[in-house]
Amino acid sequence: MTVAARLAELGITLPKAAAPVASYVPVVVHGGFAHVSGQLPFVDGQVVKGRLGDDVSVEAGQAAARACGLMIVAQLEAAGLLEKVERIVKLGAFINCTADFTDQPEVANGASDLMEQVFGDAGKHARAAVGVPALPRGAAVEVDAVVALKA
């Protein structure tokens, strides 16, 4: 089954791939890997903002992480790489949170679970889930990815 067919089966419509907000490119392919720049959580064209442990719940954070994951998939599609994905190798999840917030792994699951839903076993990956004091544009979550590509 193609990735596009799997997305349709799941009822997922990808967002339009976001344009870079600074001096970088969304995807760099090198050595058989696609390195996807950090993606912010866009919902209905707006960045999901806030801080976990303050004004954003774990559930809302998971939804934001899922939105980041959808944007990663959208960036792969925009780069013409969606059907070339061999494996999601690693995700880096950055959680905008208070100093005492410790549920970063649960928040990051929003992106991780999406990758497994979309890519099956090839979506299982290594991951970092890190709490940070601030993210670009006030985003609640940011997620980047390393993706192995078929030869």
C-alpha atoms as a PDB file:
ATOM      1  CA  MET A   1       0.000   0.000   0.000  1.00  0.00           C
ATOM      2  CA  THR A   2       1.294   3.470  -0.836  1.00  0.00           C
ATOM      3  CA  VAL A   3       1.706   6.061   1.878  1.00  0.00           C
ATOM      4  CA  ALA A   4      -0.867   8.233   0.106  1.00  0.00           C
ATOM      5  CA  ALA A   5      -3.367   5.352   0.197  1.00  0.00           C
ATOM      6  CA  ARG A   6      -2.623   4.775   3.882  1.00  0.00           C
ATOM      7  CA  LEU A   7      -3.253   8.447   4.631  1.00  0.00           C
ATOM      8  CA  ALA A   8      -6.572   8.244   2.780  1.00  0.00           C
ATOM      9  CA  GLU A   9      -7.493   5.060   4.669  1.00  0.00           C
ATOM     10  CA  LEU A  10      -6.783   6.877   7.953  1.00  0.00           C
ATOM     11  CA  GLY A  11      -8.833   9.888   6.823  1.00  0.00           C
ATOM     12  CA  ILE A  12      -5.802  12.169   7.067  1.00  0.00           C
ATOM     13  CA  THR A  13      -5.529  15.229   4.854  1.00  0.00           C
ATOM     14  CA  LEU A  14      -2.069  16.728   5.025  1.00  0.00           C
ATOM     15  CA  PRO A  15      -1.669  20.450   5.636  1.00  0.00           C
ATOM     16  CA  LYS A  16       0.151  22.597   3.109  1.00  0.00           C
ATOM     17  CA  ALA A  17       3.872  22.354   3.838  1.00  0.00           C
ATOM     18  CA  ALA A  18       4.919  25.418   5.820  1.00  0.00           C
ATOM     19  CA  ALA A  19       7.435  27.793   4.317  1.00  0.00           C
ATOM     20  CA  PRO A  20      10.618  28.381   6.336  1.00  0.00           C
ATOM     21  CA  VAL A  21      10.389  31.253   8.820  1.00  0.00           C
ATOM     22  CA  ALA A  22      14.143  31.977   8.765  1.00  0.00           C
ATOM     23  CA  SER A  23      17.342  31.090   6.882  1.00  0.00           C
ATOM     24  CA  TYR A  24      17.013  27.333   6.346  1.00  0.00           C
ATOM     25  CA  VAL A  25      15.372  24.816   4.031  1.00  0.00           C
ATOM     26  CA  PRO A  26      12.597  22.445   5.133  1.00  0.00           C
ATOM     27  CA  VAL A  27      14.279  19.227   3.952  1.00  0.00           C
ATOM     28  CA  VAL A  28      17.881  18.323   3.154  1.00  0.00           C
ATOM     29  CA  VAL A  29      18.644  14.987   1.490  1.00  0.00           C
ATOM     30  CA  HIS A  30      22.142  13.637   1.990  1.00  0.00           C
ATOM     31  CA  GLY A  31      23.627  10.163   2.169  1.00  0.00           C
ATOM     32  CA  GLY A  32      20.315   8.359   1.772  1.00  0.00           C
ATOM     33  CA  PHE A  33      18.625  10.313   4.549  1.00  0.00           C
ATOM     34  CA  ALA A  34      16.148  13.168   4.586  1.00  0.00           C
ATOM     35  CA  HIS A  35      16.712  15.593   7.438  1.00  0.00           C
ATOM     36  CA  VAL A  36      13.469  17.451   8.080  1.00  0.00           C
ATOM     37  CA  SER A  37      13.836  20.796   9.848  1.00  0.00           C
ATOM     38  CA  GLY A  38      11.891  21.400  13.038  1.00  0.00           C
ATOM     39  CA  GLN A  39       8.193  21.753  12.303  1.00  0.00           C
ATOM     40  CA  LEU A  40       5.752  23.818  14.333  1.00  0.00           C
ATOM     41  CA  PRO A  41       2.192  22.745  15.144  1.00  0.00           C
ATOM     42  CA  PHE A  42      -0.110  24.440  12.652  1.00  0.00           C
ATOM     43  CA  VAL A  43      -3.845  23.901  13.126  1.00  0.00           C
ATOM     44  CA  ASP A  44      -6.188  25.757  10.771  1.00  0.00           C
ATOM     45  CA  GLY A  45      -3.244  27.854   9.602  1.00  0.00           C
ATOM     46  CA  GLN A  46      -2.330  29.050  13.112  1.00  0.00           C
ATOM     47  CA  VAL A  47       0.562  27.994  15.350  1.00  0.00           C
ATOM     48  CA  VAL A  48      -0.566  26.226  18.522  1.00  0.00           C
ATOM     49  CA  LYS A  49       0.992  28.373  21.229  1.00  0.00           C
ATOM     50  CA  GLY A  50       1.517  28.013  24.951  1.00  0.00           C
ATOM     51  CA  ARG A  51       3.477  26.231  27.637  1.00  0.00           C
ATOM     52  CA  LEU A  52       2.964  22.749  28.983  1.00  0.00           C
ATOM     53  CA  GLY A  53       2.592  22.766  32.753  1.00  0.00           C
ATOM     54  CA  ASP A  54       1.097  26.259  32.529  1.00  0.00           C
ATOM     55  CA  ASP A  55      -1.671  26.911  29.978  1.00  0.00           C
ATOM     56  CA  VAL A  56      -1.481  23.778  27.768  1.00  0.00           C
ATOM     57  CA  SER A  57      -2.667  20.330  28.908  1.00  0.00           C
ATOM     58  CA  VAL A  58      -0.822  17.104  28.114  1.00  0.00           C
ATOM     59  CA  GLU A  59      -3.664  16.147  25.740  1.00  0.00           C
ATOM     60  CA  ALA A  60      -3.447  19.485  23.922  1.00  0.00           C
ATOM     61  CA  GLY A  61       0.333  19.067  23.777  1.00  0.00           C
ATOM     62  CA  GLN A  62      -0.085  15.625  22.221  1.00  0.00           C
ATOM     63  CA  ALA A  63      -2.404  17.114  19.608  1.00  0.00           C
ATOM     64  CA  ALA A  64       0.195  19.812  18.921  1.00  0.00           C
ATOM     65  CA  ALA A  65       2.927  17.166  18.548  1.00  0.00           C
ATOM     66  CA  ARG A  66       0.662  15.255  16.145  1.00  0.00           C
ATOM     67  CA  ALA A  67       0.233  18.477  14.130  1.00  0.00           C
ATOM     68  CA  CYS A  68       4.037  18.744  13.965  1.00  0.00           C
ATOM     69  CA  GLY A  69       4.163  15.152  12.735  1.00  0.00           C
ATOM     70  CA  LEU A  70       1.602  15.923  10.042  1.00  0.00           C
ATOM     71  CA  MET A  71       3.762  18.839   8.937  1.00  0.00           C
ATOM     72  CA  ILE A  72       6.812  16.532   8.750  1.00  0.00           C
ATOM     73  CA  VAL A  73       4.851  14.207   6.466  1.00  0.00           C
ATOM     74  CA  ALA A  74       3.658  17.225   4.446  1.00  0.00           C
ATOM     75  CA  GLN A  75       7.256  18.401   4.017  1.00  0.00           C
ATOM     76  CA  LEU A  76       8.261  14.939   2.782  1.00  0.00           C
ATOM     77  CA  GLU A  77       5.375  15.020   0.313  1.00  0.00           C
ATOM     78  CA  ALA A  78       6.285  18.526  -0.887  1.00  0.00           C
ATOM     79  CA  ALA A  79       9.872  17.356  -1.463  1.00  0.00           C
ATOM     80  CA  GLY A  80       8.636  14.403  -3.552  1.00  0.00           C
ATOM     81  CA  LEU A  81       9.882  11.911  -0.959  1.00  0.00           C
ATOM     82  CA  LEU A  82       6.697  10.502   0.583  1.00  0.00           C
ATOM     83  CA  GLU A  83       6.738   7.216  -1.325  1.00  0.00           C
ATOM     84  CA  LYS A  84      10.526   6.918  -0.911  1.00  0.00           C
ATOM     85  CA  VAL A  85      10.398   6.669   2.897  1.00  0.00           C
ATOM     86  CA  GLU A  86      12.101   3.481   4.017  1.00  0.00           C
ATOM     87  CA  ARG A  87      12.073   4.231   7.744  1.00  0.00           C
ATOM     88  CA  ILE A  88      11.509   7.037  10.201  1.00  0.00           C
ATOM     89  CA  VAL A  89      14.875   6.863  11.973  1.00  0.00           C
ATOM     90  CA  LYS A  90      14.585   9.512  14.671  1.00  0.00           C
ATOM     91  CA  LEU A  91      12.302  12.267  15.909  1.00  0.00           C
ATOM     92  CA  GLY A  92      13.408  15.136  18.095  1.00  0.00           C
ATOM     93  CA  ALA A  93      10.539  16.611  20.101  1.00  0.00           C
ATOM     94  CA  PHE A  94      10.984  19.939  21.843  1.00  0.00           C
ATOM     95  CA  ILE A  95       8.312  20.779  24.396  1.00  0.00           C
ATOM     96  CA  ASN A  96       7.792  24.366  25.546  1.00  0.00           C
ATOM     97  CA  CYS A  97       7.235  23.786  29.270  1.00  0.00           C
ATOM     98  CA  THR A  98       7.644  24.940  32.813  1.00  0.00           C
ATOM     99  CA  ALA A  99      10.716  23.849  34.775  1.00  0.00           C
ATOM    100  CA  ASP A 100       8.709  21.318  36.822  1.00  0.00           C
ATOM    101  CA  PHE A 101       6.903  19.686  33.853  1.00  0.00           C
ATOM    102  CA  THR A 102       8.079  16.088  33.353  1.00  0.00           C
ATOM    103  CA  ASP A 103       5.616  14.573  30.870  1.00  0.00           C
ATOM    104  CA  GLN A 104       7.616  15.397  27.727  1.00  0.00           C
ATOM    105  CA  PRO A 105       7.576  11.743  26.561  1.00  0.00           C
ATOM    106  CA  GLU A 106       3.780  11.589  26.713  1.00  0.00           C
ATOM    107  CA  VAL A 107       3.483  14.826  24.738  1.00  0.00           C
ATOM    108  CA  ALA A 108       5.946  13.591  22.092  1.00  0.00           C
ATOM    109  CA  ASN A 109       3.819  10.461  21.648  1.00  0.00           C
ATOM    110  CA  GLY A 110       1.450  12.581  19.561  1.00  0.00           C
ATOM    111  CA  ALA A 111       4.063  12.671  16.773  1.00  0.00           C
ATOM    112  CA  SER A 112       5.456   9.191  17.423  1.00  0.00           C
ATOM    113  CA  ASP A 113       2.073   7.470  17.306  1.00  0.00           C
ATOM    114  CA  LEU A 114       1.245   9.260  14.045  1.00  0.00           C
ATOM    115  CA  MET A 115       4.435   7.976  12.403  1.00  0.00           C
ATOM    116  CA  GLU A 116       3.568   4.397  13.305  1.00  0.00           C
ATOM    117  CA  GLN A 117      -0.026   4.848  12.084  1.00  0.00           C
ATOM    118  CA  VAL A 118       1.139   6.231   8.742  1.00  0.00           C
ATOM    119  CA  PHE A 119       4.265   4.149   8.082  1.00  0.00           C
ATOM    120  CA  GLY A 120       3.543   0.978  10.092  1.00  0.00           C
ATOM    121  CA  ASP A 121       6.644  -0.747  11.469  1.00  0.00           C
ATOM    122  CA  ALA A 122       8.799   1.599   9.376  1.00  0.00           C
ATOM    123  CA  GLY A 123       7.398   4.432  11.493  1.00  0.00           C
ATOM    124  CA  LYS A 124       8.899   3.071  14.726  1.00  0.00           C
ATOM    125  CA  HIS A 125      11.857   5.278  15.562  1.00  0.00           C
ATOM    126  CA  ALA A 126      14.416   6.449  18.077  1.00  0.00           C
ATOM    127  CA  ARG A 127      13.469   9.698  19.771  1.00  0.00           C
ATOM    128  CA  ALA A 128      14.422  12.528  22.073  1.00  0.00           C
ATOM    129  CA  ALA A 129      11.742  14.399  24.034  1.00  0.00           C
ATOM    130  CA  VAL A 130      13.204  17.525  25.586  1.00  0.00           C
ATOM    131  CA  GLY A 131      11.693  20.290  27.672  1.00  0.00           C
ATOM    132  CA  VAL A 132      12.703  23.814  26.655  1.00  0.00           C
ATOM    133  CA  PRO A 133      11.863  27.270  28.063  1.00  0.00           C
ATOM    134  CA  ALA A 134      10.754  28.764  24.717  1.00  0.00           C
ATOM    135  CA  LEU A 135      10.169  27.860  21.081  1.00  0.00           C
ATOM    136  CA  PRO A 136       9.901  29.947  17.894  1.00  0.00           C
ATOM    137  CA  ARG A 137       6.665  31.918  17.511  1.00  0.00           C
ATOM    138  CA  GLY A 138       5.615  30.843  21.035  1.00  0.00           C
ATOM    139  CA  ALA A 139       4.843  27.315  19.786  1.00  0.00           C
ATOM    140  CA  ALA A 140       3.913  24.678  22.340  1.00  0.00           C
ATOM    141  CA  VAL A 141       5.882  21.944  20.528  1.00  0.00           C
ATOM    142  CA  GLU A 142       8.412  21.565  17.708  1.00  0.00           C
ATOM    143  CA  VAL A 143       9.447  18.274  16.114  1.00  0.00           C
ATOM    144  CA  ASP A 144      12.216  17.446  13.626  1.00  0.00           C
ATOM    145  CA  ALA A 145      13.007  14.164  11.889  1.00  0.00           C
ATOM    146  CA  VAL A 146      15.660  12.001  10.288  1.00  0.00           C
ATOM    147  CA  VAL A 147      14.207   9.707   7.624  1.00  0.00           C
ATOM    148  CA  ALA A 148      15.943   6.879   5.735  1.00  0.00           C
ATOM    149  CA  LEU A 149      15.100   6.844   2.031  1.00  0.00           C
ATOM    150  CA  LYS A 150      14.830   3.905  -0.358  1.00  0.00           C
ATOM    151  CA  ALA A 151      17.696   3.739  -2.829  1.00  0.00           C
END
